[in-house]
Structure formats: C-alpha cells, structure tokens
Amino acid sequence: MALYFGHEKLSVPHIVRIPVNGGAPFDPDLSFEVSLDIQQSGGTAPKAKIQLYNVPDLSDDSLLTAYSQIVQTNAADIVSSSFGGAELFYTAAYNGGTDFTDILRMYETIFKQGNAQGITFVASSGDSGGLGAVTPDYLNSPPSPAAHFIPGVEHPAVSPHVTGVGGTN
C-alpha cells in the first residue's frame, strides 16, 4: 500500500484489519483483489479510515458473520464488497432439490438493518457481463453439451438494500 500510494503522491490511508472467524493469511495471489479495492477506496477518499474485514473464505457463514459484525459495531458508513455469486445458486435446482434461499433472507435482514443505521452497502455487479449464472446441467461432470451461461444477477448486488456497482466482461 505504501508503494502504491507513494507513487500516486497520496498519503497511505489508515487501514484497520479486522479478522473474522480467524481471518485468512496473506497470500500474494489471493490478496491481490483486496489490494485493488483498498487502492480504489483510499484513492477516492485519501484521508479515510479503511476497515478491512478479513474473512477466511467466501462461505455464507463467514460473510454473514462479517456483515453482522459490521452492523453490530455500526462503525462504518460505507461497506464495499467486490465479490458475488448468482442468486440462482441458492435455489433447489442447483442444490439437489434443497432450497437455500432462506440464507438470502438472512443477508437481507442484515442489509436492511444496516441501511436503517445509515450504512450504505455497495457490491460488485459481477464480472460476467450479466451472465453470472449457468444452467444446472453445467454442474454435471462432465457438463451437459446443452449447458450454457444464462442471465443472472449476482448476490449481494441483487439486494434492494445494496447498490450494485461496476462490472466487467
């Protein structure tokens, strides 16, 4: 961070690392996107205090814990998440007949409460140009010849309590 912000002739933002469920160790490859996110946030708000919630993985358990912690402490004005997954993947068609959309409702409760407290949530709209989902037969091994990408909205950007931003293809 010091090298990047020094090159841009900006002061290094105050970065507070908050481990969630033990956090994840630094990995130059896996931590690359986090670095980009901090550079973007710190570059647009040079004197901001950036709280990095370090989750061990992108499981629903880790993310729900992090979002809950953010809302409970109520110490952030803006929460930016640069990941997502198709909301269709929570439906029964993608889970052997078991519906997991109740997990999406748990996220909604947290986001709604955060909004009521004045927290703005923003999230990546996805990297697939609106084709963030695949047909269920794509998950077969090997994938069915009929398998294909389909239009889909990525969670958490799909939430009415989250602003979807960015997106590339």
N, C-alpha and C. Protein backbone atom coordinates (compact mmCIF):
# COMPACT_ATOMS: atom_id res chain seq x y z
N MET A 1 0.82 -1.18 0.00
CA MET A 1 0.00 0.00 0.00
C MET A 1 0.87 1.26 0.00
N ALA A 2 1.95 1.21 0.78
CA ALA A 2 2.84 2.38 0.86
C ALA A 2 3.43 2.69 -0.51
N LEU A 3 3.82 1.66 -1.26
CA LEU A 3 4.38 1.88 -2.59
C LEU A 3 3.35 2.48 -3.54
N TYR A 4 2.16 1.93 -3.52
CA TYR A 4 1.12 2.43 -4.43
C TYR A 4 0.77 3.87 -4.11
N PHE A 5 0.44 4.14 -2.87
CA PHE A 5 0.01 5.49 -2.51
C PHE A 5 1.16 6.49 -2.64
N GLY A 6 2.38 6.05 -2.37
CA GLY A 6 3.53 6.91 -2.57
C GLY A 6 3.70 7.28 -4.03
N HIS A 7 3.53 6.29 -4.90
CA HIS A 7 3.62 6.54 -6.34
C HIS A 7 2.56 7.54 -6.79
N GLU A 8 1.38 7.46 -6.21
CA GLU A 8 0.28 8.35 -6.57
C GLU A 8 0.35 9.69 -5.82
N LYS A 9 1.38 9.83 -4.99
CA LYS A 9 1.58 11.04 -4.20
C LYS A 9 0.41 11.32 -3.26
N LEU A 10 -0.09 10.26 -2.67
CA LEU A 10 -1.17 10.34 -1.69
C LEU A 10 -0.68 9.74 -0.38
N SER A 11 -1.23 10.21 0.70
CA SER A 11 -0.88 9.60 1.97
C SER A 11 -1.55 8.23 2.07
N VAL A 12 -0.87 7.31 2.72
CA VAL A 12 -1.42 5.96 2.90
C VAL A 12 -2.60 6.07 3.87
N PRO A 13 -3.77 5.55 3.48
CA PRO A 13 -4.91 5.62 4.38
C PRO A 13 -4.67 4.79 5.64
N HIS A 14 -5.39 5.14 6.67
CA HIS A 14 -5.32 4.37 7.92
C HIS A 14 -6.14 3.09 7.69
N ILE A 15 -5.45 1.96 7.64
CA ILE A 15 -6.10 0.68 7.36
C ILE A 15 -6.14 -0.14 8.65
N VAL A 16 -7.36 -0.50 9.06
CA VAL A 16 -7.55 -1.32 10.24
C VAL A 16 -8.00 -2.70 9.77
N ARG A 17 -7.22 -3.72 10.09
CA ARG A 17 -7.56 -5.09 9.70
C ARG A 17 -8.34 -5.75 10.84
N ILE A 18 -9.51 -6.28 10.49
CA ILE A 18 -10.39 -6.91 11.47
C ILE A 18 -10.61 -8.35 11.04
N PRO A 19 -9.99 -9.30 11.73
CA PRO A 19 -10.18 -10.70 11.35
C PRO A 19 -11.59 -11.19 11.73
N VAL A 20 -12.19 -11.93 10.84
CA VAL A 20 -13.50 -12.54 11.08
C VAL A 20 -13.30 -14.05 11.04
N ASN A 21 -13.76 -14.74 12.05
CA ASN A 21 -13.58 -16.20 12.15
C ASN A 21 -12.12 -16.59 11.95
N GLY A 22 -11.22 -15.81 12.50
CA GLY A 22 -9.79 -16.09 12.40
C GLY A 22 -9.11 -15.45 11.20
N GLY A 23 -9.88 -14.95 10.24
CA GLY A 23 -9.30 -14.30 9.07
C GLY A 23 -8.58 -15.28 8.18
N ALA A 24 -7.91 -14.73 7.18
CA ALA A 24 -7.13 -15.53 6.24
C ALA A 24 -5.70 -15.00 6.23
N PRO A 25 -4.72 -15.89 6.07
CA PRO A 25 -3.34 -15.41 5.99
C PRO A 25 -3.12 -14.64 4.69
N PHE A 26 -2.13 -13.77 4.69
CA PHE A 26 -1.81 -13.04 3.47
C PHE A 26 -1.32 -14.00 2.41
N ASP A 27 -1.84 -13.86 1.21
CA ASP A 27 -1.42 -14.65 0.06
C ASP A 27 -1.31 -13.67 -1.10
N PRO A 28 -0.12 -13.51 -1.69
CA PRO A 28 0.06 -12.52 -2.75
C PRO A 28 -0.94 -12.66 -3.90
N ASP A 29 -1.32 -13.90 -4.24
CA ASP A 29 -2.26 -14.10 -5.34
C ASP A 29 -3.70 -13.83 -4.91
N LEU A 30 -4.09 -14.42 -3.79
CA LEU A 30 -5.48 -14.28 -3.34
C LEU A 30 -5.76 -12.90 -2.76
N SER A 31 -4.75 -12.20 -2.29
CA SER A 31 -4.94 -10.88 -1.68
C SER A 31 -4.88 -9.76 -2.71
N PHE A 32 -4.64 -10.08 -3.96
CA PHE A 32 -4.48 -9.07 -5.00
C PHE A 32 -5.72 -8.20 -5.13
N GLU A 33 -6.90 -8.81 -5.19
CA GLU A 33 -8.13 -8.02 -5.37
C GLU A 33 -8.41 -7.15 -4.16
N VAL A 34 -8.10 -7.63 -2.99
CA VAL A 34 -8.27 -6.81 -1.78
C VAL A 34 -7.39 -5.57 -1.88
N SER A 35 -6.17 -5.76 -2.36
CA SER A 35 -5.26 -4.62 -2.54
C SER A 35 -5.84 -3.61 -3.53
N LEU A 36 -6.39 -4.10 -4.62
CA LEU A 36 -7.01 -3.20 -5.60
C LEU A 36 -8.17 -2.43 -4.98
N ASP A 37 -8.97 -3.12 -4.19
CA ASP A 37 -10.11 -2.47 -3.55
C ASP A 37 -9.66 -1.36 -2.60
N ILE A 38 -8.62 -1.63 -1.84
CA ILE A 38 -8.10 -0.62 -0.91
C ILE A 38 -7.51 0.56 -1.70
N GLN A 39 -6.84 0.27 -2.79
CA GLN A 39 -6.28 1.34 -3.62
C GLN A 39 -7.40 2.23 -4.16
N GLN A 40 -8.48 1.62 -4.63
CA GLN A 40 -9.60 2.41 -5.15
C GLN A 40 -10.27 3.21 -4.05
N SER A 41 -10.54 2.57 -2.93
CA SER A 41 -11.20 3.28 -1.82
C SER A 41 -10.33 4.39 -1.28
N GLY A 42 -9.07 4.07 -1.04
CA GLY A 42 -8.16 5.06 -0.50
C GLY A 42 -7.82 6.16 -1.48
N GLY A 43 -7.84 5.85 -2.77
CA GLY A 43 -7.56 6.86 -3.79
C GLY A 43 -8.69 7.86 -3.95
N THR A 44 -9.92 7.40 -3.73
CA THR A 44 -11.06 8.32 -3.86
C THR A 44 -11.39 9.02 -2.56
N ALA A 45 -10.91 8.49 -1.46
CA ALA A 45 -11.13 9.11 -0.15
C ALA A 45 -9.81 9.03 0.63
N PRO A 46 -8.83 9.88 0.23
CA PRO A 46 -7.45 9.74 0.74
C PRO A 46 -7.28 9.76 2.25
N LYS A 47 -8.11 10.43 2.97
CA LYS A 47 -7.92 10.52 4.42
C LYS A 47 -8.88 9.59 5.19
N ALA A 48 -9.53 8.72 4.46
CA ALA A 48 -10.50 7.82 5.08
C ALA A 48 -9.82 6.77 5.95
N LYS A 49 -10.54 6.32 6.94
CA LYS A 49 -10.11 5.16 7.72
C LYS A 49 -10.77 3.96 7.04
N ILE A 50 -9.95 3.02 6.59
CA ILE A 50 -10.45 1.84 5.88
C ILE A 50 -10.40 0.65 6.83
N GLN A 51 -11.55 0.04 7.03
CA GLN A 51 -11.64 -1.15 7.86
C GLN A 51 -11.72 -2.36 6.92
N LEU A 52 -10.72 -3.21 7.00
CA LEU A 52 -10.67 -4.40 6.16
C LEU A 52 -11.13 -5.59 6.99
N TYR A 53 -12.31 -6.07 6.71
CA TYR A 53 -12.82 -7.26 7.39
C TYR A 53 -12.26 -8.47 6.67
N ASN A 54 -11.30 -9.11 7.30
CA ASN A 54 -10.55 -10.21 6.71
C ASN A 54 -11.28 -11.52 7.01
N VAL A 55 -12.00 -12.04 6.01
CA VAL A 55 -12.73 -13.29 6.17
C VAL A 55 -11.86 -14.45 5.68
N PRO A 56 -11.99 -15.63 6.29
CA PRO A 56 -11.16 -16.76 5.88
C PRO A 56 -11.53 -17.33 4.51
N ASP A 57 -12.77 -17.09 4.09
CA ASP A 57 -13.25 -17.62 2.82
C ASP A 57 -14.54 -16.88 2.47
N LEU A 58 -15.10 -17.20 1.32
CA LEU A 58 -16.33 -16.53 0.90
C LEU A 58 -17.57 -17.38 1.15
N SER A 59 -17.51 -18.20 2.19
CA SER A 59 -18.68 -19.01 2.56
C SER A 59 -19.75 -18.09 3.14
N ASP A 60 -20.99 -18.54 3.07
CA ASP A 60 -22.08 -17.75 3.66
C ASP A 60 -21.86 -17.54 5.15
N ASP A 61 -21.34 -18.55 5.84
CA ASP A 61 -21.09 -18.40 7.27
C ASP A 61 -20.11 -17.25 7.54
N SER A 62 -19.01 -17.22 6.81
CA SER A 62 -18.02 -16.16 7.02
C SER A 62 -18.58 -14.79 6.64
N LEU A 63 -19.28 -14.71 5.52
CA LEU A 63 -19.81 -13.42 5.08
C LEU A 63 -20.92 -12.92 5.99
N LEU A 64 -21.82 -13.81 6.40
CA LEU A 64 -22.88 -13.40 7.32
C LEU A 64 -22.30 -12.92 8.66
N THR A 65 -21.26 -13.61 9.12
CA THR A 65 -20.60 -13.20 10.35
C THR A 65 -19.98 -11.81 10.19
N ALA A 66 -19.31 -11.58 9.07
CA ALA A 66 -18.68 -10.28 8.84
C ALA A 66 -19.72 -9.17 8.74
N TYR A 67 -20.74 -9.37 7.92
CA TYR A 67 -21.78 -8.35 7.79
C TYR A 67 -22.49 -8.08 9.12
N SER A 68 -22.75 -9.13 9.88
CA SER A 68 -23.39 -8.95 11.19
C SER A 68 -22.50 -8.13 12.11
N GLN A 69 -21.21 -8.43 12.09
CA GLN A 69 -20.26 -7.69 12.93
C GLN A 69 -20.22 -6.21 12.52
N ILE A 70 -20.24 -5.96 11.23
CA ILE A 70 -20.22 -4.58 10.73
C ILE A 70 -21.45 -3.83 11.22
N VAL A 71 -22.61 -4.46 11.12
CA VAL A 71 -23.85 -3.80 11.53
C VAL A 71 -23.90 -3.64 13.05
N GLN A 72 -23.46 -4.65 13.79
CA GLN A 72 -23.48 -4.57 15.25
C GLN A 72 -22.56 -3.47 15.79
N THR A 73 -21.38 -3.34 15.21
CA THR A 73 -20.46 -2.30 15.69
C THR A 73 -20.84 -0.93 15.17
N ASN A 74 -21.54 -0.89 14.03
CA ASN A 74 -22.03 0.36 13.44
C ASN A 74 -20.91 1.40 13.32
N ALA A 75 -19.72 0.96 12.92
CA ALA A 75 -18.57 1.86 12.83
C ALA A 75 -18.19 2.20 11.39
N ALA A 76 -18.98 1.73 10.42
CA ALA A 76 -18.68 2.00 9.02
C ALA A 76 -19.84 2.75 8.38
N ASP A 77 -19.51 3.72 7.53
CA ASP A 77 -20.55 4.44 6.79
C ASP A 77 -20.86 3.75 5.47
N ILE A 78 -19.80 3.21 4.83
CA ILE A 78 -19.94 2.56 3.54
C ILE A 78 -19.24 1.21 3.61
N VAL A 79 -19.91 0.18 3.13
CA VAL A 79 -19.33 -1.16 3.10
C VAL A 79 -19.29 -1.60 1.64
N SER A 80 -18.09 -1.89 1.15
CA SER A 80 -17.90 -2.29 -0.23
C SER A 80 -17.48 -3.76 -0.29
N SER A 81 -18.17 -4.52 -1.11
CA SER A 81 -17.87 -5.94 -1.30
C SER A 81 -17.63 -6.19 -2.78
N SER A 82 -16.47 -6.74 -3.10
CA SER A 82 -16.15 -6.96 -4.51
C SER A 82 -16.18 -8.44 -4.87
N PHE A 83 -17.27 -9.07 -4.54
CA PHE A 83 -17.46 -10.48 -4.87
C PHE A 83 -18.95 -10.69 -5.08
N GLY A 84 -19.30 -11.79 -5.62
CA GLY A 84 -20.71 -12.10 -5.78
C GLY A 84 -20.88 -13.48 -6.36
N GLY A 85 -22.08 -13.94 -6.30
CA GLY A 85 -22.43 -15.22 -6.87
C GLY A 85 -23.89 -15.17 -7.30
N ALA A 86 -24.23 -15.96 -8.29
CA ALA A 86 -25.59 -15.94 -8.82
C ALA A 86 -26.58 -16.34 -7.73
N GLU A 87 -27.64 -15.54 -7.60
CA GLU A 87 -28.64 -15.87 -6.60
C GLU A 87 -29.35 -17.18 -6.92
N LEU A 88 -29.35 -17.56 -8.20
CA LEU A 88 -29.96 -18.84 -8.59
C LEU A 88 -29.29 -20.03 -7.90
N PHE A 89 -28.02 -19.87 -7.54
CA PHE A 89 -27.29 -20.99 -6.93
C PHE A 89 -27.82 -21.36 -5.54
N TYR A 90 -28.71 -20.54 -4.99
CA TYR A 90 -29.33 -20.85 -3.70
C TYR A 90 -30.63 -21.64 -3.87
N THR A 91 -31.11 -21.78 -5.10
CA THR A 91 -32.39 -22.45 -5.32
C THR A 91 -32.24 -23.96 -5.37
N ALA A 92 -33.36 -24.64 -5.23
CA ALA A 92 -33.37 -26.11 -5.19
C ALA A 92 -32.78 -26.74 -6.45
N ALA A 93 -32.97 -26.12 -7.59
CA ALA A 93 -32.48 -26.69 -8.85
C ALA A 93 -30.97 -26.87 -8.85
N TYR A 94 -30.27 -26.10 -8.04
CA TYR A 94 -28.80 -26.15 -8.01
C TYR A 94 -28.27 -26.89 -6.78
N ASN A 95 -29.16 -27.40 -5.95
CA ASN A 95 -28.74 -28.00 -4.69
C ASN A 95 -29.42 -29.33 -4.42
N GLY A 96 -29.53 -30.13 -5.45
CA GLY A 96 -30.10 -31.47 -5.26
C GLY A 96 -31.51 -31.46 -4.71
N GLY A 97 -32.29 -30.42 -5.02
CA GLY A 97 -33.67 -30.34 -4.56
C GLY A 97 -33.86 -29.57 -3.26
N THR A 98 -32.78 -29.15 -2.63
CA THR A 98 -32.89 -28.40 -1.37
C THR A 98 -32.78 -26.90 -1.64
N ASP A 99 -33.75 -26.16 -1.13
CA ASP A 99 -33.80 -24.71 -1.32
C ASP A 99 -33.03 -24.02 -0.20
N PHE A 100 -32.10 -23.16 -0.57
CA PHE A 100 -31.31 -22.41 0.40
C PHE A 100 -31.57 -20.91 0.33
N THR A 101 -32.70 -20.51 -0.24
CA THR A 101 -32.98 -19.08 -0.36
C THR A 101 -33.21 -18.41 1.00
N ASP A 102 -33.41 -19.22 2.05
CA ASP A 102 -33.52 -18.63 3.39
C ASP A 102 -32.22 -17.93 3.78
N ILE A 103 -31.10 -18.38 3.23
CA ILE A 103 -29.81 -17.73 3.50
C ILE A 103 -29.82 -16.32 2.92
N LEU A 104 -30.42 -16.17 1.73
CA LEU A 104 -30.52 -14.84 1.13
C LEU A 104 -31.36 -13.91 2.01
N ARG A 105 -32.40 -14.46 2.63
CA ARG A 105 -33.23 -13.64 3.54
C ARG A 105 -32.45 -13.22 4.77
N MET A 106 -31.50 -14.04 5.22
CA MET A 106 -30.66 -13.65 6.36
C MET A 106 -29.78 -12.47 5.98
N TYR A 107 -29.22 -12.50 4.78
CA TYR A 107 -28.45 -11.35 4.29
C TYR A 107 -29.34 -10.11 4.26
N GLU A 108 -30.56 -10.27 3.72
CA GLU A 108 -31.48 -9.13 3.59
C GLU A 108 -31.77 -8.47 4.93
N THR A 109 -31.97 -9.28 5.95
CA THR A 109 -32.23 -8.75 7.29
C THR A 109 -31.06 -7.89 7.76
N ILE A 110 -29.85 -8.37 7.54
CA ILE A 110 -28.65 -7.64 7.96
C ILE A 110 -28.51 -6.35 7.16
N PHE A 111 -28.67 -6.43 5.83
CA PHE A 111 -28.53 -5.23 4.99
C PHE A 111 -29.60 -4.19 5.35
N LYS A 112 -30.81 -4.65 5.56
CA LYS A 112 -31.90 -3.73 5.89
C LYS A 112 -31.62 -3.02 7.21
N GLN A 113 -31.15 -3.76 8.20
CA GLN A 113 -30.81 -3.15 9.49
C GLN A 113 -29.67 -2.15 9.32
N GLY A 114 -28.67 -2.53 8.55
CA GLY A 114 -27.55 -1.62 8.30
C GLY A 114 -28.02 -0.33 7.64
N ASN A 115 -28.90 -0.45 6.64
CA ASN A 115 -29.44 0.75 5.99
C ASN A 115 -30.17 1.62 6.99
N ALA A 116 -30.94 1.01 7.89
CA ALA A 116 -31.67 1.78 8.91
C ALA A 116 -30.72 2.54 9.83
N GLN A 117 -29.51 2.01 9.99
CA GLN A 117 -28.49 2.65 10.83
C GLN A 117 -27.66 3.67 10.05
N GLY A 118 -27.92 3.79 8.75
CA GLY A 118 -27.18 4.74 7.93
C GLY A 118 -26.00 4.15 7.19
N ILE A 119 -25.89 2.84 7.16
CA ILE A 119 -24.80 2.18 6.45
C ILE A 119 -25.21 1.96 5.00
N THR A 120 -24.35 2.38 4.07
CA THR A 120 -24.55 2.15 2.65
C THR A 120 -23.73 0.93 2.25
N PHE A 121 -24.39 -0.04 1.62
CA PHE A 121 -23.70 -1.22 1.12
C PHE A 121 -23.59 -1.10 -0.40
N VAL A 122 -22.40 -1.34 -0.93
CA VAL A 122 -22.18 -1.42 -2.37
C VAL A 122 -21.49 -2.75 -2.66
N ALA A 123 -21.80 -3.31 -3.82
CA ALA A 123 -21.22 -4.61 -4.16
C ALA A 123 -21.02 -4.72 -5.66
N SER A 124 -20.04 -5.50 -6.03
CA SER A 124 -19.73 -5.77 -7.43
C SER A 124 -20.95 -6.35 -8.14
N SER A 125 -21.24 -5.80 -9.31
CA SER A 125 -22.36 -6.33 -10.08
C SER A 125 -21.98 -7.60 -10.83
N GLY A 126 -20.70 -7.93 -10.83
CA GLY A 126 -20.26 -9.18 -11.45
C GLY A 126 -19.27 -8.95 -12.57
N ASP A 127 -18.57 -9.99 -12.91
CA ASP A 127 -17.54 -9.92 -13.94
C ASP A 127 -17.96 -10.62 -15.23
N SER A 128 -19.21 -10.99 -15.33
CA SER A 128 -19.62 -11.83 -16.46
C SER A 128 -20.58 -11.14 -17.41
N GLY A 129 -20.63 -9.82 -17.38
CA GLY A 129 -21.48 -9.09 -18.31
C GLY A 129 -22.94 -9.47 -18.24
N GLY A 130 -23.48 -9.73 -17.08
CA GLY A 130 -24.88 -10.10 -16.93
C GLY A 130 -25.15 -11.57 -17.07
N LEU A 131 -24.13 -12.36 -17.37
CA LEU A 131 -24.31 -13.81 -17.49
C LEU A 131 -23.64 -14.48 -16.29
N GLY A 132 -24.10 -14.14 -15.12
CA GLY A 132 -23.49 -14.61 -13.89
C GLY A 132 -23.93 -15.97 -13.42
N ALA A 133 -24.77 -16.64 -14.20
CA ALA A 133 -25.26 -17.95 -13.80
C ALA A 133 -25.05 -18.95 -14.95
N VAL A 134 -25.12 -20.20 -14.60
CA VAL A 134 -25.07 -21.28 -15.58
C VAL A 134 -26.30 -22.14 -15.37
N THR A 135 -26.67 -22.88 -16.39
CA THR A 135 -27.79 -23.80 -16.24
C THR A 135 -27.35 -24.92 -15.28
N PRO A 136 -28.30 -25.52 -14.55
CA PRO A 136 -27.92 -26.56 -13.59
C PRO A 136 -27.13 -27.71 -14.20
N ASP A 137 -27.39 -28.03 -15.47
CA ASP A 137 -26.67 -29.14 -16.09
C ASP A 137 -25.19 -28.82 -16.35
N TYR A 138 -24.81 -27.57 -16.19
CA TYR A 138 -23.41 -27.17 -16.32
C TYR A 138 -22.58 -27.76 -15.18
N LEU A 139 -23.25 -28.02 -14.05
CA LEU A 139 -22.55 -28.52 -12.86
C LEU A 139 -22.32 -30.02 -12.90
N ASN A 140 -22.89 -30.70 -13.89
CA ASN A 140 -22.65 -32.13 -14.04
C ASN A 140 -21.19 -32.38 -14.42
N SER A 141 -20.72 -33.56 -14.13
CA SER A 141 -19.35 -33.90 -14.51
C SER A 141 -19.39 -35.09 -15.46
N PRO A 142 -19.09 -34.92 -16.70
CA PRO A 142 -18.77 -33.68 -17.39
C PRO A 142 -20.04 -32.86 -17.63
N PRO A 143 -19.91 -31.56 -17.89
CA PRO A 143 -21.10 -30.74 -18.15
C PRO A 143 -21.87 -31.24 -19.36
N SER A 144 -23.16 -31.09 -19.32
CA SER A 144 -24.01 -31.47 -20.44
C SER A 144 -23.67 -30.60 -21.65
N PRO A 145 -23.74 -31.15 -22.86
CA PRO A 145 -23.49 -30.34 -24.06
C PRO A 145 -24.48 -29.17 -24.17
N ALA A 146 -25.65 -29.29 -23.55
CA ALA A 146 -26.66 -28.23 -23.60
C ALA A 146 -26.41 -27.14 -22.55
N ALA A 147 -25.44 -27.36 -21.67
CA ALA A 147 -25.17 -26.40 -20.60
C ALA A 147 -24.71 -25.07 -21.19
N HIS A 148 -25.13 -23.99 -20.55
CA HIS A 148 -24.74 -22.68 -21.05
C HIS A 148 -24.90 -21.62 -19.95
N PHE A 149 -24.31 -20.48 -20.19
CA PHE A 149 -24.45 -19.35 -19.27
C PHE A 149 -25.80 -18.68 -19.53
N ILE A 150 -26.40 -18.20 -18.45
CA ILE A 150 -27.71 -17.55 -18.56
C ILE A 150 -27.67 -16.22 -17.81
N PRO A 151 -28.55 -15.30 -18.20
CA PRO A 151 -28.61 -14.03 -17.47
C PRO A 151 -28.92 -14.28 -15.99
N GLY A 152 -28.23 -13.57 -15.15
CA GLY A 152 -28.46 -13.72 -13.73
C GLY A 152 -27.85 -12.56 -12.97
N VAL A 153 -28.45 -12.24 -11.88
CA VAL A 153 -27.97 -11.15 -11.03
C VAL A 153 -27.17 -11.76 -9.90
N GLU A 154 -26.05 -11.14 -9.58
CA GLU A 154 -25.19 -11.67 -8.53
C GLU A 154 -25.55 -11.09 -7.17
N HIS A 155 -25.48 -11.94 -6.20
CA HIS A 155 -25.69 -11.54 -4.81
C HIS A 155 -24.35 -11.16 -4.23
N PRO A 156 -24.19 -10.11 -3.47
CA PRO A 156 -25.22 -9.31 -2.82
C PRO A 156 -25.74 -8.11 -3.62
N ALA A 157 -25.22 -7.85 -4.83
CA ALA A 157 -25.66 -6.68 -5.58
C ALA A 157 -27.15 -6.73 -5.94
N VAL A 158 -27.73 -7.91 -5.95
CA VAL A 158 -29.14 -8.06 -6.28
C VAL A 158 -30.06 -7.48 -5.20
N SER A 159 -29.58 -7.33 -4.01
CA SER A 159 -30.40 -6.87 -2.89
C SER A 159 -30.90 -5.45 -3.10
N PRO A 160 -32.16 -5.18 -2.75
CA PRO A 160 -32.64 -3.80 -2.82
C PRO A 160 -31.98 -2.90 -1.77
N HIS A 161 -31.24 -3.50 -0.84
CA HIS A 161 -30.56 -2.75 0.20
C HIS A 161 -29.07 -2.58 -0.08
N VAL A 162 -28.66 -2.99 -1.30
CA VAL A 162 -27.26 -2.91 -1.72
C VAL A 162 -27.23 -2.25 -3.10
N THR A 163 -26.28 -1.37 -3.31
CA THR A 163 -26.11 -0.74 -4.62
C THR A 163 -25.10 -1.54 -5.43
N GLY A 164 -25.52 -2.05 -6.58
CA GLY A 164 -24.62 -2.78 -7.46
C GLY A 164 -23.75 -1.78 -8.23
N VAL A 165 -22.45 -2.01 -8.23
CA VAL A 165 -21.53 -1.09 -8.91
C VAL A 165 -20.56 -1.87 -9.80
N GLY A 166 -20.08 -1.21 -10.85
CA GLY A 166 -19.02 -1.76 -11.68
C GLY A 166 -19.48 -2.92 -12.52
N GLY A 167 -18.55 -3.79 -12.75
CA GLY A 167 -18.82 -4.97 -13.55
C GLY A 167 -18.08 -4.91 -14.86
N THR A 168 -17.44 -5.98 -15.21
CA THR A 168 -16.70 -6.07 -16.44
C THR A 168 -17.00 -7.37 -17.12
N ASN A 169 -16.53 -7.50 -18.31
CA ASN A 169 -16.68 -8.76 -19.02
C ASN A 169 -15.34 -9.13 -19.62
